[in-house]
Amino acid sequence: MYAIEIENLTKSYGNFKAVDNLTLKVEKGITFGFLGPNGAGKTTTILSMIGLIIPDSGSIRILGEDVFREPVKVKERIGYLPENATIYEELTAWRNLEFFANFYKMSRQEKEKRIEELLKMVGLWDVRYRKVKTFSKGMKQRLLLAQTLINDPEVLILDEPTSG
């Protein structure tokens, strides 16, 4: 079983083909990146992989699960960091992670343990109760990474992870 398996993916916007018959297999444990100019279809492919864009044709499986037939199962197993991710500036680092942890089936104890683990991992433990609006850009990026990892995902999907 592959971590990501895309077969014959095609997506058009009017006469413009954003993705044209893409087939791709990524094994578990592999780091893989899309490189290409603006408009090459990278984000369209990523948004299709997480089920936010329905392709014209083709199939996508994440860890053996069809993205469009089993969307909940897929979303429980992936972590997605969009190019322009949401962060709540008026909340503390802890509350930001707590908010996103509430989307997953975790007990209160599991949430607290995971939040502590992640804040320590990204070097934000000492500022966990500070409002995010006081953070530097680098601190915000680390918090966003922790947010992406909150559900202990098996597959990470990062859109423009090095921008900024």
N, C-alpha and C. Protein backbone atom coordinates (compact mmCIF):
# COMPACT_ATOMS: atom_id res chain seq x y z
N MET A 1 0.85 -1.18 0.00
CA MET A 1 0.00 0.00 0.00
C MET A 1 0.89 1.25 0.00
N TYR A 2 0.50 2.21 -0.78
CA TYR A 2 1.22 3.47 -0.89
C TYR A 2 0.66 4.51 0.08
N ALA A 3 1.48 5.46 0.46
CA ALA A 3 0.99 6.59 1.26
C ALA A 3 0.07 7.44 0.40
N ILE A 4 0.50 7.70 -0.84
CA ILE A 4 -0.29 8.48 -1.80
C ILE A 4 -0.27 7.75 -3.13
N GLU A 5 -1.45 7.60 -3.71
CA GLU A 5 -1.56 6.96 -5.02
C GLU A 5 -2.57 7.76 -5.85
N ILE A 6 -2.05 8.37 -6.90
CA ILE A 6 -2.88 9.17 -7.81
C ILE A 6 -2.83 8.50 -9.18
N GLU A 7 -4.00 8.30 -9.78
CA GLU A 7 -4.04 7.68 -11.11
C GLU A 7 -4.87 8.52 -12.07
N ASN A 8 -4.22 8.92 -13.16
CA ASN A 8 -4.87 9.61 -14.27
C ASN A 8 -5.68 10.84 -13.84
N LEU A 9 -5.13 11.62 -12.94
CA LEU A 9 -5.82 12.80 -12.42
C LEU A 9 -5.82 13.92 -13.46
N THR A 10 -7.01 14.43 -13.74
CA THR A 10 -7.17 15.55 -14.66
C THR A 10 -8.14 16.55 -14.05
N LYS A 11 -7.77 17.83 -14.12
CA LYS A 11 -8.66 18.89 -13.66
C LYS A 11 -8.47 20.10 -14.57
N SER A 12 -9.58 20.57 -15.12
CA SER A 12 -9.57 21.74 -16.01
C SER A 12 -10.41 22.85 -15.41
N TYR A 13 -10.01 24.06 -15.74
CA TYR A 13 -10.80 25.25 -15.43
C TYR A 13 -11.08 25.91 -16.78
N GLY A 14 -12.28 25.68 -17.29
CA GLY A 14 -12.58 26.15 -18.64
C GLY A 14 -11.70 25.42 -19.63
N ASN A 15 -10.98 26.18 -20.47
CA ASN A 15 -10.08 25.57 -21.46
C ASN A 15 -8.69 25.31 -20.91
N PHE A 16 -8.42 25.72 -19.67
CA PHE A 16 -7.09 25.55 -19.07
C PHE A 16 -7.03 24.25 -18.28
N LYS A 17 -6.10 23.39 -18.68
CA LYS A 17 -5.89 22.14 -17.94
C LYS A 17 -4.86 22.39 -16.84
N ALA A 18 -5.32 22.44 -15.60
CA ALA A 18 -4.43 22.67 -14.47
C ALA A 18 -3.61 21.42 -14.17
N VAL A 19 -4.26 20.25 -14.30
CA VAL A 19 -3.60 18.95 -14.11
C VAL A 19 -4.04 18.07 -15.26
N ASP A 20 -3.07 17.45 -15.92
CA ASP A 20 -3.38 16.67 -17.12
C ASP A 20 -2.87 15.23 -17.00
N ASN A 21 -3.78 14.33 -16.61
CA ASN A 21 -3.51 12.89 -16.60
C ASN A 21 -2.31 12.52 -15.70
N LEU A 22 -2.27 13.07 -14.50
CA LEU A 22 -1.18 12.82 -13.55
C LEU A 22 -1.33 11.46 -12.89
N THR A 23 -0.28 10.67 -12.94
CA THR A 23 -0.21 9.41 -12.20
C THR A 23 1.02 9.48 -11.32
N LEU A 24 0.84 9.13 -10.05
CA LEU A 24 1.91 9.30 -9.07
C LEU A 24 1.72 8.30 -7.94
N LYS A 25 2.81 7.69 -7.49
CA LYS A 25 2.77 6.79 -6.34
C LYS A 25 3.91 7.17 -5.41
N VAL A 26 3.56 7.42 -4.14
CA VAL A 26 4.55 7.77 -3.13
C VAL A 26 4.48 6.72 -2.03
N GLU A 27 5.59 6.07 -1.79
CA GLU A 27 5.63 5.04 -0.76
C GLU A 27 5.64 5.66 0.63
N LYS A 28 5.22 4.87 1.61
CA LYS A 28 5.26 5.33 3.01
C LYS A 28 6.69 5.63 3.40
N GLY A 29 6.86 6.65 4.22
CA GLY A 29 8.18 7.00 4.72
C GLY A 29 9.02 7.86 3.79
N ILE A 30 8.49 8.19 2.64
CA ILE A 30 9.22 8.98 1.64
C ILE A 30 8.82 10.45 1.76
N THR A 31 9.80 11.33 1.61
CA THR A 31 9.53 12.76 1.50
C THR A 31 9.47 13.08 0.01
N PHE A 32 8.38 13.68 -0.41
CA PHE A 32 8.16 13.95 -1.83
C PHE A 32 7.73 15.40 -1.98
N GLY A 33 8.20 16.06 -3.01
CA GLY A 33 7.81 17.44 -3.25
C GLY A 33 7.46 17.68 -4.70
N PHE A 34 6.48 18.56 -4.91
CA PHE A 34 6.14 19.03 -6.26
C PHE A 34 6.93 20.30 -6.51
N LEU A 35 7.62 20.36 -7.62
CA LEU A 35 8.31 21.58 -8.02
C LEU A 35 7.77 22.00 -9.38
N GLY A 36 7.59 23.29 -9.55
CA GLY A 36 7.12 23.78 -10.84
C GLY A 36 6.74 25.24 -10.74
N PRO A 37 6.58 25.87 -11.89
CA PRO A 37 6.23 27.30 -11.90
C PRO A 37 4.79 27.52 -11.45
N ASN A 38 4.46 28.77 -11.19
CA ASN A 38 3.07 29.12 -10.87
C ASN A 38 2.17 28.63 -11.99
N GLY A 39 1.02 28.10 -11.61
CA GLY A 39 0.06 27.62 -12.61
C GLY A 39 0.34 26.22 -13.12
N ALA A 40 1.32 25.54 -12.53
CA ALA A 40 1.67 24.19 -13.00
C ALA A 40 0.73 23.11 -12.47
N GLY A 41 -0.14 23.45 -11.52
CA GLY A 41 -1.10 22.48 -11.01
C GLY A 41 -0.75 21.88 -9.66
N LYS A 42 0.26 22.41 -9.01
CA LYS A 42 0.68 21.86 -7.71
C LYS A 42 -0.43 21.99 -6.66
N THR A 43 -0.94 23.19 -6.49
CA THR A 43 -1.97 23.40 -5.47
C THR A 43 -3.27 22.70 -5.86
N THR A 44 -3.61 22.68 -7.13
CA THR A 44 -4.81 21.96 -7.57
C THR A 44 -4.69 20.49 -7.22
N THR A 45 -3.53 19.91 -7.44
CA THR A 45 -3.31 18.50 -7.10
C THR A 45 -3.45 18.30 -5.59
N ILE A 46 -2.82 19.17 -4.82
CA ILE A 46 -2.89 19.05 -3.36
C ILE A 46 -4.33 19.18 -2.87
N LEU A 47 -5.07 20.16 -3.38
CA LEU A 47 -6.46 20.34 -2.97
C LEU A 47 -7.32 19.16 -3.38
N SER A 48 -6.99 18.52 -4.48
CA SER A 48 -7.68 17.29 -4.87
C SER A 48 -7.33 16.17 -3.90
N MET A 49 -6.07 16.11 -3.49
CA MET A 49 -5.63 15.06 -2.57
C MET A 49 -6.35 15.11 -1.23
N ILE A 50 -6.75 16.29 -0.81
CA ILE A 50 -7.45 16.40 0.48
C ILE A 50 -8.97 16.52 0.30
N GLY A 51 -9.44 16.39 -0.93
CA GLY A 51 -10.87 16.34 -1.19
C GLY A 51 -11.56 17.68 -1.33
N LEU A 52 -10.81 18.77 -1.43
CA LEU A 52 -11.43 20.09 -1.56
C LEU A 52 -11.74 20.47 -3.00
N ILE A 53 -11.09 19.81 -3.95
CA ILE A 53 -11.39 20.01 -5.37
C ILE A 53 -11.70 18.64 -5.95
N ILE A 54 -12.80 18.55 -6.66
CA ILE A 54 -13.17 17.30 -7.31
C ILE A 54 -12.60 17.32 -8.72
N PRO A 55 -11.75 16.36 -9.05
CA PRO A 55 -11.15 16.35 -10.39
C PRO A 55 -12.17 15.98 -11.46
N ASP A 56 -11.83 16.29 -12.70
CA ASP A 56 -12.68 15.89 -13.83
C ASP A 56 -12.62 14.38 -14.02
N SER A 57 -11.45 13.81 -13.78
CA SER A 57 -11.29 12.35 -13.89
C SER A 57 -10.09 11.92 -13.07
N GLY A 58 -10.01 10.62 -12.85
CA GLY A 58 -8.90 10.06 -12.10
C GLY A 58 -9.29 9.69 -10.69
N SER A 59 -8.35 9.08 -9.98
CA SER A 59 -8.60 8.66 -8.61
C SER A 59 -7.42 9.01 -7.71
N ILE A 60 -7.73 9.16 -6.43
CA ILE A 60 -6.70 9.47 -5.44
C ILE A 60 -6.96 8.62 -4.21
N ARG A 61 -5.90 7.94 -3.77
CA ARG A 61 -5.98 7.15 -2.55
C ARG A 61 -4.88 7.64 -1.61
N ILE A 62 -5.24 7.79 -0.36
CA ILE A 62 -4.28 8.11 0.70
C ILE A 62 -4.31 6.93 1.66
N LEU A 63 -3.17 6.26 1.82
CA LEU A 63 -3.07 5.09 2.69
C LEU A 63 -4.14 4.05 2.37
N GLY A 64 -4.39 3.89 1.07
CA GLY A 64 -5.34 2.89 0.59
C GLY A 64 -6.79 3.32 0.59
N GLU A 65 -7.09 4.48 1.15
CA GLU A 65 -8.48 4.97 1.22
C GLU A 65 -8.75 5.95 0.09
N ASP A 66 -9.87 5.77 -0.58
CA ASP A 66 -10.28 6.68 -1.65
C ASP A 66 -10.67 8.03 -1.03
N VAL A 67 -10.05 9.08 -1.48
CA VAL A 67 -10.26 10.42 -0.92
C VAL A 67 -11.71 10.86 -1.03
N PHE A 68 -12.39 10.46 -2.09
CA PHE A 68 -13.76 10.93 -2.31
C PHE A 68 -14.81 9.98 -1.77
N ARG A 69 -14.49 8.71 -1.61
CA ARG A 69 -15.44 7.74 -1.05
C ARG A 69 -15.34 7.64 0.47
N GLU A 70 -14.17 7.90 1.02
CA GLU A 70 -13.93 7.78 2.46
C GLU A 70 -13.27 9.05 3.01
N PRO A 71 -13.90 10.22 2.80
CA PRO A 71 -13.24 11.48 3.17
C PRO A 71 -12.94 11.61 4.66
N VAL A 72 -13.80 11.11 5.52
CA VAL A 72 -13.57 11.24 6.96
C VAL A 72 -12.37 10.38 7.37
N LYS A 73 -12.32 9.16 6.88
CA LYS A 73 -11.18 8.28 7.20
C LYS A 73 -9.87 8.90 6.73
N VAL A 74 -9.88 9.47 5.55
CA VAL A 74 -8.67 10.09 5.01
C VAL A 74 -8.26 11.29 5.87
N LYS A 75 -9.20 12.15 6.19
CA LYS A 75 -8.89 13.37 6.96
C LYS A 75 -8.37 13.05 8.36
N GLU A 76 -8.79 11.92 8.92
CA GLU A 76 -8.28 11.51 10.24
C GLU A 76 -6.82 11.09 10.18
N ARG A 77 -6.33 10.75 8.99
CA ARG A 77 -4.99 10.19 8.85
C ARG A 77 -3.98 11.14 8.21
N ILE A 78 -4.44 12.34 7.83
CA ILE A 78 -3.52 13.30 7.20
C ILE A 78 -3.42 14.57 8.03
N GLY A 79 -2.32 15.27 7.82
CA GLY A 79 -2.15 16.62 8.34
C GLY A 79 -1.92 17.51 7.14
N TYR A 80 -2.70 18.58 7.03
CA TYR A 80 -2.61 19.48 5.88
C TYR A 80 -2.28 20.89 6.35
N LEU A 81 -1.23 21.45 5.78
CA LEU A 81 -0.85 22.83 6.06
C LEU A 81 -0.95 23.63 4.77
N PRO A 82 -2.02 24.45 4.63
CA PRO A 82 -2.17 25.24 3.41
C PRO A 82 -1.16 26.38 3.35
N GLU A 83 -1.03 26.93 2.16
CA GLU A 83 -0.11 28.06 1.96
C GLU A 83 -0.47 29.23 2.89
N ASN A 84 -1.75 29.52 2.99
CA ASN A 84 -2.23 30.60 3.85
C ASN A 84 -3.07 30.00 4.97
N ALA A 85 -2.41 29.42 5.93
CA ALA A 85 -3.09 28.72 7.02
C ALA A 85 -3.73 29.69 8.00
N THR A 86 -4.77 29.20 8.68
CA THR A 86 -5.47 30.00 9.67
C THR A 86 -4.77 29.90 11.01
N ILE A 87 -4.58 31.05 11.60
CA ILE A 87 -4.04 31.12 12.96
C ILE A 87 -4.82 32.23 13.66
N TYR A 88 -5.20 31.98 14.88
CA TYR A 88 -6.02 32.94 15.61
C TYR A 88 -5.13 33.82 16.48
N GLU A 89 -4.90 35.02 16.01
CA GLU A 89 -3.97 35.97 16.63
C GLU A 89 -4.36 36.35 18.06
N GLU A 90 -5.64 36.40 18.35
CA GLU A 90 -6.11 36.82 19.68
C GLU A 90 -6.08 35.68 20.70
N LEU A 91 -5.85 34.47 20.23
CA LEU A 91 -5.76 33.33 21.14
C LEU A 91 -4.30 33.06 21.49
N THR A 92 -4.10 32.34 22.57
CA THR A 92 -2.75 31.91 22.94
C THR A 92 -2.34 30.73 22.06
N ALA A 93 -1.07 30.40 22.11
CA ALA A 93 -0.59 29.22 21.38
C ALA A 93 -1.34 27.98 21.84
N TRP A 94 -1.50 27.84 23.15
CA TRP A 94 -2.20 26.68 23.71
C TRP A 94 -3.63 26.61 23.18
N ARG A 95 -4.34 27.73 23.24
CA ARG A 95 -5.75 27.75 22.80
C ARG A 95 -5.88 27.48 21.30
N ASN A 96 -4.93 27.97 20.50
CA ASN A 96 -4.96 27.66 19.06
C ASN A 96 -4.92 26.16 18.85
N LEU A 97 -3.99 25.49 19.50
CA LEU A 97 -3.87 24.04 19.33
C LEU A 97 -5.08 23.31 19.91
N GLU A 98 -5.57 23.79 21.02
CA GLU A 98 -6.76 23.18 21.63
C GLU A 98 -7.96 23.28 20.69
N PHE A 99 -8.11 24.44 20.04
CA PHE A 99 -9.21 24.62 19.09
C PHE A 99 -9.15 23.57 17.99
N PHE A 100 -7.97 23.37 17.40
CA PHE A 100 -7.85 22.42 16.30
C PHE A 100 -7.91 20.97 16.79
N ALA A 101 -7.48 20.72 18.00
CA ALA A 101 -7.57 19.36 18.56
C ALA A 101 -9.02 18.94 18.72
N ASN A 102 -9.91 19.90 18.91
CA ASN A 102 -11.33 19.59 19.10
C ASN A 102 -11.98 18.99 17.85
N PHE A 103 -11.32 19.08 16.70
CA PHE A 103 -11.87 18.49 15.48
C PHE A 103 -11.64 16.98 15.42
N TYR A 104 -10.86 16.46 16.33
CA TYR A 104 -10.49 15.05 16.32
C TYR A 104 -11.02 14.35 17.56
N LYS A 105 -11.18 13.04 17.44
CA LYS A 105 -11.67 12.24 18.56
C LYS A 105 -10.53 12.01 19.55
N MET A 106 -10.40 12.93 20.48
CA MET A 106 -9.36 12.84 21.50
C MET A 106 -9.98 13.17 22.85
N SER A 107 -9.60 12.42 23.86
CA SER A 107 -10.06 12.75 25.21
C SER A 107 -9.36 14.03 25.66
N ARG A 108 -9.85 14.62 26.71
CA ARG A 108 -9.23 15.83 27.25
C ARG A 108 -7.77 15.56 27.62
N GLN A 109 -7.52 14.43 28.25
CA GLN A 109 -6.16 14.07 28.63
C GLN A 109 -5.26 13.90 27.41
N GLU A 110 -5.78 13.24 26.37
CA GLU A 110 -5.00 13.05 25.14
C GLU A 110 -4.67 14.40 24.51
N LYS A 111 -5.66 15.30 24.48
CA LYS A 111 -5.45 16.63 23.91
C LYS A 111 -4.36 17.38 24.66
N GLU A 112 -4.48 17.40 25.98
CA GLU A 112 -3.51 18.14 26.79
C GLU A 112 -2.10 17.57 26.63
N LYS A 113 -2.00 16.26 26.61
CA LYS A 113 -0.70 15.60 26.44
C LYS A 113 -0.11 15.93 25.07
N ARG A 114 -0.95 15.85 24.03
CA ARG A 114 -0.48 16.11 22.66
C ARG A 114 -0.07 17.57 22.50
N ILE A 115 -0.85 18.49 23.04
CA ILE A 115 -0.53 19.92 22.93
C ILE A 115 0.79 20.21 23.63
N GLU A 116 0.97 19.67 24.82
CA GLU A 116 2.23 19.87 25.54
C GLU A 116 3.41 19.32 24.73
N GLU A 117 3.25 18.12 24.23
CA GLU A 117 4.30 17.46 23.43
C GLU A 117 4.68 18.32 22.22
N LEU A 118 3.68 18.82 21.50
CA LEU A 118 3.94 19.60 20.29
C LEU A 118 4.55 20.96 20.59
N LEU A 119 4.05 21.63 21.61
CA LEU A 119 4.61 22.94 21.95
C LEU A 119 6.07 22.82 22.38
N LYS A 120 6.39 21.76 23.07
CA LYS A 120 7.79 21.53 23.44
C LYS A 120 8.62 21.21 22.20
N MET A 121 8.06 20.38 21.31
CA MET A 121 8.77 19.98 20.10
C MET A 121 9.12 21.18 19.22
N VAL A 122 8.20 22.14 19.10
CA VAL A 122 8.44 23.30 18.22
C VAL A 122 9.04 24.49 18.97
N GLY A 123 9.40 24.29 20.22
CA GLY A 123 10.08 25.33 20.98
C GLY A 123 9.21 26.48 21.45
N LEU A 124 7.91 26.21 21.65
CA LEU A 124 7.00 27.27 22.07
C LEU A 124 6.40 27.03 23.46
N TRP A 125 6.91 26.06 24.17
CA TRP A 125 6.35 25.72 25.48
C TRP A 125 6.38 26.92 26.43
N ASP A 126 7.48 27.64 26.45
CA ASP A 126 7.62 28.76 27.39
C ASP A 126 6.71 29.94 27.07
N VAL A 127 6.16 29.97 25.87
CA VAL A 127 5.26 31.08 25.48
C VAL A 127 3.85 30.58 25.19
N ARG A 128 3.51 29.43 25.72
CA ARG A 128 2.22 28.79 25.42
C ARG A 128 1.01 29.63 25.80
N TYR A 129 1.15 30.52 26.78
CA TYR A 129 0.02 31.33 27.22
C TYR A 129 0.08 32.77 26.71
N ARG A 130 1.01 33.03 25.79
CA ARG A 130 1.07 34.35 25.14
C ARG A 130 0.15 34.37 23.94
N LYS A 131 -0.46 35.53 23.68
CA LYS A 131 -1.29 35.65 22.48
C LYS A 131 -0.39 35.56 21.25
N VAL A 132 -0.90 34.91 20.24
CA VAL A 132 -0.14 34.67 19.02
C VAL A 132 0.21 35.97 18.30
N LYS A 133 -0.59 37.01 18.48
CA LYS A 133 -0.30 38.29 17.81
C LYS A 133 1.05 38.86 18.24
N THR A 134 1.60 38.40 19.36
CA THR A 134 2.90 38.88 19.82
C THR A 134 4.06 38.05 19.26
N PHE A 135 3.75 37.00 18.52
CA PHE A 135 4.78 36.09 18.01
C PHE A 135 5.45 36.64 16.75
N SER A 136 6.70 36.27 16.56
CA SER A 136 7.40 36.56 15.31
C SER A 136 6.84 35.64 14.22
N LYS A 137 7.18 35.94 12.98
CA LYS A 137 6.71 35.10 11.87
C LYS A 137 7.20 33.66 12.02
N GLY A 138 8.44 33.49 12.43
CA GLY A 138 8.99 32.15 12.62
C GLY A 138 8.26 31.38 13.71
N MET A 139 7.91 32.05 14.79
CA MET A 139 7.15 31.41 15.87
C MET A 139 5.77 31.00 15.37
N LYS A 140 5.14 31.85 14.57
CA LYS A 140 3.82 31.51 14.02
C LYS A 140 3.92 30.30 13.10
N GLN A 141 4.97 30.24 12.30
CA GLN A 141 5.14 29.09 11.40
C GLN A 141 5.32 27.80 12.20
N ARG A 142 6.06 27.88 13.30
CA ARG A 142 6.24 26.69 14.14
C ARG A 142 4.92 26.27 14.78
N LEU A 143 4.11 27.25 15.18
CA LEU A 143 2.80 26.94 15.75
C LEU A 143 1.91 26.29 14.69
N LEU A 144 1.97 26.79 13.47
CA LEU A 144 1.18 26.19 12.38
C LEU A 144 1.62 24.75 12.12
N LEU A 145 2.91 24.48 12.21
CA LEU A 145 3.38 23.11 12.05
C LEU A 145 2.81 22.23 13.17
N ALA A 146 2.84 22.72 14.40
CA ALA A 146 2.27 21.97 15.52
C ALA A 146 0.78 21.72 15.28
N GLN A 147 0.09 22.72 14.78
CA GLN A 147 -1.34 22.60 14.46
C GLN A 147 -1.57 21.48 13.45
N THR A 148 -0.70 21.40 12.45
CA THR A 148 -0.81 20.38 11.41
C THR A 148 -0.56 18.98 11.97
N LEU A 149 0.24 18.89 13.01
CA LEU A 149 0.59 17.60 13.60
C LEU A 149 -0.32 17.19 14.75
N ILE A 150 -1.33 17.98 15.07
CA ILE A 150 -2.14 17.77 16.27
C ILE A 150 -2.79 16.38 16.31
N ASN A 151 -3.18 15.84 15.17
CA ASN A 151 -3.84 14.54 15.13
C ASN A 151 -2.87 13.39 14.89
N ASP A 152 -1.56 13.65 15.03
CA ASP A 152 -0.52 12.64 14.83
C ASP A 152 -0.72 11.95 13.47
N PRO A 153 -0.70 12.74 12.39
CA PRO A 153 -1.03 12.21 11.06
C PRO A 153 0.02 11.24 10.53
N GLU A 154 -0.45 10.33 9.70
CA GLU A 154 0.43 9.37 9.03
C GLU A 154 1.02 9.97 7.76
N VAL A 155 0.32 10.93 7.17
CA VAL A 155 0.77 11.60 5.94
C VAL A 155 0.64 13.10 6.16
N LEU A 156 1.71 13.83 5.85
CA LEU A 156 1.69 15.29 5.91
C LEU A 156 1.62 15.84 4.50
N ILE A 157 0.73 16.80 4.28
CA ILE A 157 0.60 17.46 2.99
C ILE A 157 0.79 18.96 3.25
N LEU A 158 1.88 19.49 2.73
CA LEU A 158 2.24 20.88 2.98
C LEU A 158 2.26 21.65 1.66
N ASP A 159 1.50 22.74 1.58
CA ASP A 159 1.45 23.56 0.37
C ASP A 159 2.33 24.79 0.60
N GLU A 160 3.37 24.94 -0.19
CA GLU A 160 4.32 26.05 -0.09
C GLU A 160 4.94 26.12 1.32
N PRO A 161 5.51 25.03 1.80
CA PRO A 161 6.02 25.01 3.18
C PRO A 161 7.22 25.92 3.43
N THR A 162 7.91 26.35 2.39
CA THR A 162 9.09 27.19 2.60
C THR A 162 8.83 28.65 2.28
N SER A 163 7.59 29.01 1.91
CA SER A 163 7.31 30.42 1.59
C SER A 163 7.37 31.25 2.86
N GLY A 164 7.91 32.45 2.74
CA GLY A 164 7.99 33.35 3.88
C GLY A 164 9.17 33.02 4.74
